[in-house]
Amino acid sequence: MLPCNVVLRGEGFRTSISIADPHELMDAPAFAELSAEAAHRLKTALASLDDIVTG
């Protein structure tokens, strides 16, 4: 389990999504590769949600 915080917040008829930066959560040099991969995957997931909304 990675320490990647994702927060969903209802704002009227919309939902706001906030994702913590894995580089900030795992800033030790030993985790550089892991945090980069986690950041890439989270950005990809967020982008896919944007594609669904904006179609």
PDB file of N, CA and C in Angstrom:
ATOM      1  N   MET A   1       0.845  -1.175   0.000  1.00  0.00           N
ATOM      2  CA  MET A   1       0.000   0.000   0.000  1.00  0.00           C
ATOM      3  C   MET A   1       0.890   1.237   0.000  1.00  0.00           C
ATOM      4  N   LEU A   2       0.628   2.133  -0.923  1.00  0.00           N
ATOM      5  CA  LEU A   2       1.402   3.364  -1.007  1.00  0.00           C
ATOM      6  C   LEU A   2       0.708   4.486  -0.247  1.00  0.00           C
ATOM      7  N   PRO A   3       1.463   5.388   0.300  1.00  0.00           N
ATOM      8  CA  PRO A   3       0.853   6.526   1.006  1.00  0.00           C
ATOM      9  C   PRO A   3       0.425   7.621   0.030  1.00  0.00           C
ATOM     10  N   CYS A   4      -0.583   7.337  -0.778  1.00  0.00           N
ATOM     11  CA  CYS A   4      -1.077   8.301  -1.758  1.00  0.00           C
ATOM     12  C   CYS A   4      -2.490   8.697  -1.366  1.00  0.00           C
ATOM     13  N   ASN A   5      -2.636   9.908  -0.876  1.00  0.00           N
ATOM     14  CA  ASN A   5      -3.931  10.380  -0.404  1.00  0.00           C
ATOM     15  C   ASN A   5      -4.741  10.965  -1.542  1.00  0.00           C
ATOM     16  N   VAL A   6      -5.959  10.472  -1.682  1.00  0.00           N
ATOM     17  CA  VAL A   6      -6.902  10.980  -2.672  1.00  0.00           C
ATOM     18  C   VAL A   6      -8.140  11.425  -1.905  1.00  0.00           C
ATOM     19  N   VAL A   7      -8.573  12.654  -2.160  1.00  0.00           N
ATOM     20  CA  VAL A   7      -9.732  13.209  -1.470  1.00  0.00           C
ATOM     21  C   VAL A   7     -10.782  13.600  -2.504  1.00  0.00           C
ATOM     22  N   LEU A   8     -12.011  13.117  -2.307  1.00  0.00           N
ATOM     23  CA  LEU A   8     -13.154  13.505  -3.132  1.00  0.00           C
ATOM     24  C   LEU A   8     -14.034  14.419  -2.299  1.00  0.00           C
ATOM     25  N   ARG A   9     -14.397  15.555  -2.877  1.00  0.00           N
ATOM     26  CA  ARG A   9     -15.196  16.532  -2.130  1.00  0.00           C
ATOM     27  C   ARG A   9     -16.357  16.977  -3.015  1.00  0.00           C
ATOM     28  N   GLY A  10     -17.573  16.833  -2.501  1.00  0.00           N
ATOM     29  CA  GLY A  10     -18.751  17.296  -3.224  1.00  0.00           C
ATOM     30  C   GLY A  10     -18.848  18.808  -3.178  1.00  0.00           C
ATOM     31  N   GLU A  11     -19.040  19.411  -4.344  1.00  0.00           N
ATOM     32  CA  GLU A  11     -19.183  20.866  -4.452  1.00  0.00           C
ATOM     33  C   GLU A  11     -20.400  21.154  -5.333  1.00  0.00           C
ATOM     34  N   GLY A  12     -21.545  21.238  -4.693  1.00  0.00           N
ATOM     35  CA  GLY A  12     -22.779  21.425  -5.468  1.00  0.00           C
ATOM     36  C   GLY A  12     -23.061  20.189  -6.297  1.00  0.00           C
ATOM     37  N   PHE A  13     -23.168  20.386  -7.618  1.00  0.00           N
ATOM     38  CA  PHE A  13     -23.431  19.267  -8.525  1.00  0.00           C
ATOM     39  C   PHE A  13     -22.140  18.675  -9.088  1.00  0.00           C
ATOM     40  N   ARG A  14     -21.013  19.114  -8.567  1.00  0.00           N
ATOM     41  CA  ARG A  14     -19.712  18.649  -9.053  1.00  0.00           C
ATOM     42  C   ARG A  14     -18.955  17.939  -7.941  1.00  0.00           C
ATOM     43  N   THR A  15     -17.919  17.217  -8.321  1.00  0.00           N
ATOM     44  CA  THR A  15     -17.037  16.570  -7.364  1.00  0.00           C
ATOM     45  C   THR A  15     -15.609  17.032  -7.625  1.00  0.00           C
ATOM     46  N   SER A  16     -14.960  17.502  -6.579  1.00  0.00           N
ATOM     47  CA  SER A  16     -13.571  17.938  -6.663  1.00  0.00           C
ATOM     48  C   SER A  16     -12.673  16.782  -6.221  1.00  0.00           C
ATOM     49  N   ILE A  17     -11.591  16.558  -6.956  1.00  0.00           N
ATOM     50  CA  ILE A  17     -10.654  15.482  -6.637  1.00  0.00           C
ATOM     51  C   ILE A  17      -9.291  16.095  -6.360  1.00  0.00           C
ATOM     52  N   SER A  18      -8.749  15.794  -5.187  1.00  0.00           N
ATOM     53  CA  SER A  18      -7.411  16.251  -4.813  1.00  0.00           C
ATOM     54  C   SER A  18      -6.536  15.032  -4.575  1.00  0.00           C
ATOM     55  N   ILE A  19      -5.323  15.086  -5.107  1.00  0.00           N
ATOM     56  CA  ILE A  19      -4.391  13.970  -4.940  1.00  0.00           C
ATOM     57  C   ILE A  19      -3.081  14.523  -4.392  1.00  0.00           C
ATOM     58  N   ALA A  20      -2.611  13.933  -3.297  1.00  0.00           N
ATOM     59  CA  ALA A  20      -1.328  14.338  -2.718  1.00  0.00           C
ATOM     60  C   ALA A  20      -0.195  13.872  -3.626  1.00  0.00           C
ATOM     61  N   ASP A  21       0.827  14.684  -3.742  1.00  0.00           N
ATOM     62  CA  ASP A  21       1.984  14.368  -4.571  1.00  0.00           C
ATOM     63  C   ASP A  21       2.831  13.290  -3.885  1.00  0.00           C
ATOM     64  N   PRO A  22       2.995  12.126  -4.515  1.00  0.00           N
ATOM     65  CA  PRO A  22       3.793  11.057  -3.908  1.00  0.00           C
ATOM     66  C   PRO A  22       5.233  11.478  -3.614  1.00  0.00           C
ATOM     67  N   HIS A  23       5.782  12.402  -4.410  1.00  0.00           N
ATOM     68  CA  HIS A  23       7.143  12.879  -4.158  1.00  0.00           C
ATOM     69  C   HIS A  23       7.230  13.576  -2.791  1.00  0.00           C
ATOM     70  N   GLU A  24       6.150  14.245  -2.403  1.00  0.00           N
ATOM     71  CA  GLU A  24       6.115  14.918  -1.103  1.00  0.00           C
ATOM     72  C   GLU A  24       5.968  13.915   0.041  1.00  0.00           C
ATOM     73  N   LEU A  25       5.226  12.846  -0.215  1.00  0.00           N
ATOM     74  CA  LEU A  25       4.968  11.855   0.827  1.00  0.00           C
ATOM     75  C   LEU A  25       6.115  10.862   1.006  1.00  0.00           C
ATOM     76  N   MET A  26       6.870  10.629  -0.064  1.00  0.00           N
ATOM     77  CA  MET A  26       7.994   9.682  -0.026  1.00  0.00           C
ATOM     78  C   MET A  26       9.229  10.418  -0.536  1.00  0.00           C
ATOM     79  N   ASP A  27       9.770  11.324   0.265  1.00  0.00           N
ATOM     80  CA  ASP A  27      10.843  12.180  -0.224  1.00  0.00           C
ATOM     81  C   ASP A  27      12.257  11.642  -0.009  1.00  0.00           C
ATOM     82  N   ALA A  28      12.382  10.473   0.589  1.00  0.00           N
ATOM     83  CA  ALA A  28      13.706   9.872   0.770  1.00  0.00           C
ATOM     84  C   ALA A  28      14.236   9.399  -0.586  1.00  0.00           C
ATOM     85  N   PRO A  29      15.522   9.563  -0.840  1.00  0.00           N
ATOM     86  CA  PRO A  29      16.106   9.131  -2.119  1.00  0.00           C
ATOM     87  C   PRO A  29      15.830   7.661  -2.452  1.00  0.00           C
ATOM     88  N   ALA A  30      15.716   6.828  -1.447  1.00  0.00           N
ATOM     89  CA  ALA A  30      15.450   5.407  -1.688  1.00  0.00           C
ATOM     90  C   ALA A  30      14.093   5.177  -2.349  1.00  0.00           C
ATOM     91  N   PHE A  31      13.181   6.152  -2.228  1.00  0.00           N
ATOM     92  CA  PHE A  31      11.842   6.006  -2.784  1.00  0.00           C
ATOM     93  C   PHE A  31      11.640   6.788  -4.084  1.00  0.00           C
ATOM     94  N   ALA A  32      12.704   7.340  -4.647  1.00  0.00           N
ATOM     95  CA  ALA A  32      12.581   8.195  -5.836  1.00  0.00           C
ATOM     96  C   ALA A  32      11.881   7.481  -6.996  1.00  0.00           C
ATOM     97  N   GLU A  33      12.303   6.275  -7.302  1.00  0.00           N
ATOM     98  CA  GLU A  33      11.705   5.540  -8.422  1.00  0.00           C
ATOM     99  C   GLU A  33      10.249   5.181  -8.127  1.00  0.00           C
ATOM    100  N   LEU A  34       9.987   4.731  -6.914  1.00  0.00           N
ATOM    101  CA  LEU A  34       8.631   4.354  -6.524  1.00  0.00           C
ATOM    102  C   LEU A  34       7.695   5.561  -6.540  1.00  0.00           C
ATOM    103  N   SER A  35       8.147   6.689  -6.012  1.00  0.00           N
ATOM    104  CA  SER A  35       7.287   7.877  -5.990  1.00  0.00           C
ATOM    105  C   SER A  35       7.053   8.408  -7.394  1.00  0.00           C
ATOM    106  N   ALA A  36       8.035   8.295  -8.277  1.00  0.00           N
ATOM    107  CA  ALA A  36       7.855   8.724  -9.672  1.00  0.00           C
ATOM    108  C   ALA A  36       6.810   7.861 -10.373  1.00  0.00           C
ATOM    109  N   GLU A  37       6.878   6.562 -10.144  1.00  0.00           N
ATOM    110  CA  GLU A  37       5.892   5.654 -10.753  1.00  0.00           C
ATOM    111  C   GLU A  37       4.496   5.922 -10.197  1.00  0.00           C
ATOM    112  N   ALA A  38       4.394   6.125  -8.889  1.00  0.00           N
ATOM    113  CA  ALA A  38       3.097   6.415  -8.278  1.00  0.00           C
ATOM    114  C   ALA A  38       2.532   7.727  -8.819  1.00  0.00           C
ATOM    115  N   ALA A  39       3.370   8.745  -8.949  1.00  0.00           N
ATOM    116  CA  ALA A  39       2.924  10.036  -9.487  1.00  0.00           C
ATOM    117  C   ALA A  39       2.423   9.878 -10.912  1.00  0.00           C
ATOM    118  N   HIS A  40       3.146   9.122 -11.717  1.00  0.00           N
ATOM    119  CA  HIS A  40       2.728   8.892 -13.103  1.00  0.00           C
ATOM    120  C   HIS A  40       1.368   8.194 -13.166  1.00  0.00           C
ATOM    121  N   ARG A  41       1.194   7.174 -12.358  1.00  0.00           N
ATOM    122  CA  ARG A  41      -0.073   6.429 -12.365  1.00  0.00           C
ATOM    123  C   ARG A  41      -1.238   7.287 -11.878  1.00  0.00           C
ATOM    124  N   LEU A  42      -1.000   8.094 -10.855  1.00  0.00           N
ATOM    125  CA  LEU A  42      -2.065   8.965 -10.350  1.00  0.00           C
ATOM    126  C   LEU A  42      -2.434  10.030 -11.375  1.00  0.00           C
ATOM    127  N   LYS A  43      -1.451  10.609 -12.058  1.00  0.00           N
ATOM    128  CA  LYS A  43      -1.725  11.602 -13.102  1.00  0.00           C
ATOM    129  C   LYS A  43      -2.498  10.983 -14.252  1.00  0.00           C
ATOM    130  N   THR A  44      -2.142   9.757 -14.607  1.00  0.00           N
ATOM    131  CA  THR A  44      -2.856   9.051 -15.676  1.00  0.00           C
ATOM    132  C   THR A  44      -4.307   8.801 -15.281  1.00  0.00           C
ATOM    133  N   ALA A  45      -4.519   8.379 -14.047  1.00  0.00           N
ATOM    134  CA  ALA A  45      -5.882   8.133 -13.562  1.00  0.00           C
ATOM    135  C   ALA A  45      -6.690   9.425 -13.553  1.00  0.00           C
ATOM    136  N   LEU A  46      -6.087  10.509 -13.085  1.00  0.00           N
ATOM    137  CA  LEU A  46      -6.778  11.791 -13.045  1.00  0.00           C
ATOM    138  C   LEU A  46      -7.103  12.278 -14.456  1.00  0.00           C
ATOM    139  N   ALA A  47      -6.190  12.109 -15.380  1.00  0.00           N
ATOM    140  CA  ALA A  47      -6.421  12.507 -16.767  1.00  0.00           C
ATOM    141  C   ALA A  47      -7.559  11.698 -17.392  1.00  0.00           C
ATOM    142  N   SER A  48      -7.649  10.412 -17.048  1.00  0.00           N
ATOM    143  CA  SER A  48      -8.728   9.595 -17.608  1.00  0.00           C
ATOM    144  C   SER A  48     -10.085  10.052 -17.092  1.00  0.00           C
ATOM    145  N   LEU A  49     -10.125  10.542 -15.862  1.00  0.00           N
ATOM    146  CA  LEU A  49     -11.382  11.088 -15.326  1.00  0.00           C
ATOM    147  C   LEU A  49     -11.749  12.368 -16.052  1.00  0.00           C
ATOM    148  N   ASP A  50     -10.772  13.185 -16.362  1.00  0.00           N
ATOM    149  CA  ASP A  50     -11.016  14.421 -17.101  1.00  0.00           C
ATOM    150  C   ASP A  50     -11.576  14.102 -18.489  1.00  0.00           C
ATOM    151  N   ASP A  51     -11.059  13.040 -19.129  1.00  0.00           N
ATOM    152  CA  ASP A  51     -11.567  12.627 -20.434  1.00  0.00           C
ATOM    153  C   ASP A  51     -13.024  12.206 -20.351  1.00  0.00           C
ATOM    154  N   ILE A  52     -13.403  11.564 -19.263  1.00  0.00           N
ATOM    155  CA  ILE A  52     -14.796  11.123 -19.087  1.00  0.00           C
ATOM    156  C   ILE A  52     -15.712  12.328 -18.948  1.00  0.00           C
ATOM    157  N   VAL A  53     -15.286  13.315 -18.179  1.00  0.00           N
ATOM    158  CA  VAL A  53     -16.102  14.484 -17.911  1.00  0.00           C
ATOM    159  C   VAL A  53     -16.217  15.376 -19.138  1.00  0.00           C
ATOM    160  N   THR A  54     -15.090  15.609 -19.803  1.00  0.00           N
ATOM    161  CA  THR A  54     -15.095  16.534 -20.939  1.00  0.00           C
ATOM    162  C   THR A  54     -15.435  15.848 -22.254  1.00  0.00           C
ATOM    163  N   GLY A  55     -15.369  14.503 -22.263  1.00  0.00           N
ATOM    164  CA  GLY A  55     -15.739  13.673 -23.372  1.00  0.00           C
ATOM    165  C   GLY A  55     -15.208  14.078 -24.668  1.00  0.00           C
TER     166      GLY A  55
END
